[in-house]
């Protein structure tokens, strides 16, 4: 369960709030839509602990994320939060498979489940790209690789920014299915922010920002 209680935020050196008194709750899957510039990505950064709210609370289960110190937030995020940014970054000297392996090891310090990684790549239809370097992938393939990396360590919360903006209808449907399947199988809370109206039909819970 992830929830916010009346959070507000403004950027440093700016007087105007990006948003004010946002309260939400997601125990399963929540889609947040809005036009470009409405603060969707900023909200995702707050929910992940990358940014701190000006006021209000952010809670994951019984942990108040907004009260943790920076090093505590980093540690908590690595173990409990999966994030897919709109423009995902990779270690370009590692293969796709290597990036996912390294992310899993950093988060868990456990033996890497190679078969699980391969199974996720198959589901996302990028198994043939496993040994390629990220720079050799298309934008859509990079996005799907980022999703695989985010869900491999079974996070409590999965936060996804514009997962289908670079995908055609077929792969958009596949990605939406995998994200929602992960909620069910991993008992993960999922929040997706998007301006892609195609995703609305996949989510029962939806809010406009």
Protein backbone atom coordinates (compact mmCIF):
# COMPACT_ATOMS: atom_id res chain seq x y z
CA UNK A 1 0.00 0.00 0.00
CA UNK A 2 1.27 3.45 -0.94
CA UNK A 3 -0.59 6.59 0.00
CA UNK A 4 -0.14 10.32 0.22
CA UNK A 5 -1.79 12.69 2.65
CA UNK A 6 -2.24 16.26 1.39
CA UNK A 7 1.20 16.58 -0.21
CA UNK A 8 2.24 19.84 -1.84
CA UNK A 9 5.38 20.69 -3.76
CA UNK A 10 7.15 23.60 -5.38
CA UNK A 11 10.52 23.77 -7.06
CA UNK A 12 13.32 25.72 -5.37
CA UNK A 13 13.38 29.41 -6.26
CA UNK A 14 9.81 29.23 -7.56
CA UNK A 15 6.88 30.79 -5.77
CA UNK A 16 4.08 28.83 -7.40
CA UNK A 17 3.21 25.32 -6.21
CA UNK A 18 3.37 22.52 -8.79
CA UNK A 19 0.39 20.99 -6.99
CA UNK A 20 -1.30 21.30 -3.62
CA UNK A 21 -2.97 18.90 -1.17
CA UNK A 22 -2.72 15.76 -3.32
CA UNK A 23 -4.07 12.70 -1.53
CA UNK A 24 -4.11 9.28 -3.16
CA UNK A 25 -4.03 5.63 -2.19
CA UNK A 26 -3.02 2.55 -4.18
CA UNK A 27 -3.05 -0.98 -2.84
CA UNK A 28 -3.12 -2.47 -6.34
CA UNK A 29 -3.09 -0.51 -9.61
CA UNK A 30 -3.71 3.20 -10.14
CA UNK A 31 -3.45 5.16 -13.39
CA UNK A 32 -2.75 8.89 -13.11
CA UNK A 33 -3.29 10.83 -16.31
CA UNK A 34 -2.75 14.43 -17.23
CA UNK A 35 -1.43 16.72 -19.91
CA UNK A 36 2.27 17.48 -20.33
CA UNK A 37 3.39 19.91 -17.63
CA UNK A 38 0.69 18.90 -15.15
CA UNK A 39 3.26 17.55 -12.68
CA UNK A 40 2.98 13.80 -13.34
CA UNK A 41 6.72 13.10 -13.35
CA UNK A 42 7.24 15.37 -10.33
CA UNK A 43 4.63 13.38 -8.43
CA UNK A 44 6.40 10.14 -9.32
CA UNK A 45 9.71 11.56 -8.05
CA UNK A 46 8.01 12.45 -4.76
CA UNK A 47 6.48 8.98 -4.41
CA UNK A 48 9.90 7.40 -4.93
CA UNK A 49 11.62 9.66 -2.39
CA UNK A 50 13.83 11.34 -4.98
CA UNK A 51 12.11 14.62 -4.08
CA UNK A 52 10.73 15.66 -0.70
CA UNK A 53 7.26 17.26 -0.43
CA UNK A 54 6.90 20.82 0.84
CA UNK A 55 4.14 19.54 3.12
CA UNK A 56 2.13 16.39 3.72
CA UNK A 57 3.04 12.73 4.13
CA UNK A 58 4.03 9.84 1.84
CA UNK A 59 3.63 6.36 3.32
CA UNK A 60 4.50 2.90 2.02
CA UNK A 61 2.90 0.37 4.35
CA UNK A 62 3.93 1.76 7.75
CA UNK A 63 7.02 3.65 6.58
CA UNK A 64 6.73 7.41 6.19
CA UNK A 65 9.07 7.92 3.29
CA UNK A 66 9.15 11.69 3.55
CA UNK A 67 10.68 11.51 7.06
CA UNK A 68 13.63 9.27 6.20
CA UNK A 69 17.14 10.69 5.92
CA UNK A 70 18.70 10.69 2.45
CA UNK A 71 20.82 7.55 2.93
CA UNK A 72 17.85 5.75 4.51
CA UNK A 73 15.65 6.73 1.59
CA UNK A 74 18.21 5.43 -0.92
CA UNK A 75 18.44 2.11 0.90
CA UNK A 76 14.68 1.78 1.25
CA UNK A 77 14.11 2.66 -2.41
CA UNK A 78 16.57 0.03 -3.62
CA UNK A 79 14.84 -2.74 -1.69
CA UNK A 80 11.19 -1.73 -2.00
CA UNK A 81 10.52 0.56 -4.96
CA UNK A 82 10.81 -0.22 -8.65
CA UNK A 83 10.97 2.84 -10.93
CA UNK A 84 10.65 3.13 -14.69
CA UNK A 85 11.54 6.62 -15.84
CA UNK A 86 10.26 8.09 -19.09
CA UNK A 87 13.84 8.17 -20.38
CA UNK A 88 15.51 5.21 -18.63
CA UNK A 89 19.25 5.26 -18.00
CA UNK A 90 21.41 2.15 -18.32
CA UNK A 91 25.03 1.18 -17.74
CA UNK A 92 25.99 1.31 -21.40
CA UNK A 93 28.97 -1.02 -21.00
CA UNK A 94 26.66 -3.81 -19.74
CA UNK A 95 24.28 -5.84 -21.86
CA UNK A 96 20.53 -5.64 -21.23
CA UNK A 97 20.78 -8.88 -19.25
CA UNK A 98 23.79 -7.54 -17.36
CA UNK A 99 21.97 -4.35 -16.42
CA UNK A 100 19.10 -6.34 -14.93
CA UNK A 101 21.48 -8.72 -13.12
CA UNK A 102 23.42 -5.82 -11.60
CA UNK A 103 20.26 -4.00 -10.51
CA UNK A 104 18.99 -7.14 -8.77
CA UNK A 105 22.29 -7.72 -6.98
CA UNK A 106 22.53 -4.08 -5.83
CA UNK A 107 19.00 -4.19 -4.40
CA UNK A 108 19.15 -7.60 -2.73
CA UNK A 109 22.80 -8.75 -2.49
CA UNK A 110 21.44 -12.18 -3.43
CA UNK A 111 22.18 -14.68 -6.19
CA UNK A 112 20.71 -13.47 -9.46
CA UNK A 113 17.68 -15.48 -10.73
CA UNK A 114 18.83 -15.83 -14.35
CA UNK A 115 15.81 -17.86 -15.45
CA UNK A 116 13.41 -15.30 -13.98
CA UNK A 117 15.17 -12.54 -15.90
CA UNK A 118 14.89 -14.51 -19.12
CA UNK A 119 11.20 -15.27 -18.51
CA UNK A 120 10.41 -11.57 -18.05
CA UNK A 121 12.32 -10.68 -21.22
CA UNK A 122 10.32 -13.31 -23.11
CA UNK A 123 7.05 -11.86 -21.79
CA UNK A 124 8.13 -8.42 -22.99
CA UNK A 125 9.20 -9.81 -26.37
CA UNK A 126 12.81 -8.65 -26.01
CA UNK A 127 14.57 -11.93 -25.18
CA UNK A 128 16.48 -11.65 -28.47
CA UNK A 129 17.92 -8.35 -27.22
CA UNK A 130 19.26 -9.79 -23.96
CA UNK A 131 22.92 -9.77 -24.98
CA UNK A 132 22.82 -6.44 -26.81
CA UNK A 133 24.06 -3.17 -25.36
CA UNK A 134 21.29 -0.70 -24.48
CA UNK A 135 22.56 1.81 -27.06
CA UNK A 136 21.72 -0.70 -29.79
CA UNK A 137 18.05 -0.97 -28.79
CA UNK A 138 15.13 1.00 -30.15
CA UNK A 139 13.40 3.46 -27.82
CA UNK A 140 10.56 1.01 -27.24
CA UNK A 141 12.95 -1.86 -26.51
CA UNK A 142 14.83 0.28 -23.98
CA UNK A 143 11.54 1.08 -22.28
CA UNK A 144 10.63 -2.60 -21.98
CA UNK A 145 14.12 -3.44 -20.70
CA UNK A 146 13.66 -0.77 -18.02
CA UNK A 147 10.38 -2.39 -16.96
CA UNK A 148 12.09 -5.79 -16.69
CA UNK A 149 14.81 -4.23 -14.54
CA UNK A 150 12.27 -2.54 -12.27
CA UNK A 151 10.23 -5.65 -11.46
CA UNK A 152 12.98 -8.25 -11.11
CA UNK A 153 13.46 -7.74 -7.35
CA UNK A 154 9.72 -7.98 -6.53
CA UNK A 155 9.26 -4.40 -5.24
CA UNK A 156 6.49 -3.39 -2.86
CA UNK A 157 5.72 -0.43 -5.11
CA UNK A 158 6.21 -0.05 -8.85
CA UNK A 159 6.22 3.50 -10.23
CA UNK A 160 6.10 3.91 -13.99
CA UNK A 161 6.39 7.10 -16.05
CA UNK A 162 4.89 7.02 -19.58
CA UNK A 163 5.56 3.29 -20.22
CA UNK A 164 3.85 3.16 -23.62
CA UNK A 165 4.56 6.54 -25.20
CA UNK A 166 7.10 4.99 -27.61
CA UNK A 167 5.22 1.75 -28.29
CA UNK A 168 2.80 0.65 -30.98
CA UNK A 169 -0.63 -0.72 -30.05
CA UNK A 170 0.51 -4.35 -29.89
CA UNK A 171 3.42 -3.72 -27.53
CA UNK A 172 1.46 -1.16 -25.54
CA UNK A 173 -1.06 -3.90 -24.79
CA UNK A 174 1.74 -6.32 -23.82
CA UNK A 175 3.36 -3.85 -21.44
CA UNK A 176 0.07 -2.95 -19.76
CA UNK A 177 -0.67 -6.66 -19.31
CA UNK A 178 2.72 -7.39 -17.76
CA UNK A 179 2.48 -4.44 -15.37
CA UNK A 180 -0.95 -5.48 -14.16
CA UNK A 181 0.11 -9.12 -13.94
CA UNK A 182 3.01 -8.10 -11.71
CA UNK A 183 0.55 -6.45 -9.32
CA UNK A 184 -1.31 -9.72 -8.94
CA UNK A 185 1.67 -12.09 -8.79
CA UNK A 186 4.04 -9.98 -6.68
CA UNK A 187 1.40 -8.27 -4.50
CA UNK A 188 2.87 -4.98 -5.67
CA UNK A 189 1.23 -1.56 -5.63
CA UNK A 190 1.42 -0.05 -9.12
CA UNK A 191 1.17 3.62 -10.05
CA UNK A 192 1.45 4.60 -13.71
CA UNK A 193 1.51 8.21 -14.87
CA UNK A 194 0.73 8.88 -18.52
CA UNK A 195 -0.96 11.02 -21.12
CA UNK A 196 -1.56 7.91 -23.27
CA UNK A 197 -5.33 7.38 -23.40
CA UNK A 198 -4.84 3.80 -24.63
CA UNK A 199 -3.96 2.74 -21.09
CA UNK A 200 -7.24 3.85 -19.52
CA UNK A 201 -9.10 0.74 -20.65
CA UNK A 202 -6.64 -1.47 -18.73
CA UNK A 203 -7.08 0.20 -15.32
CA UNK A 204 -10.08 0.13 -13.03
CA UNK A 205 -8.69 2.92 -10.82
CA UNK A 206 -7.91 6.23 -12.49
CA UNK A 207 -7.35 9.81 -11.41
CA UNK A 208 -6.70 13.00 -13.38
CA UNK A 209 -3.88 15.31 -12.27
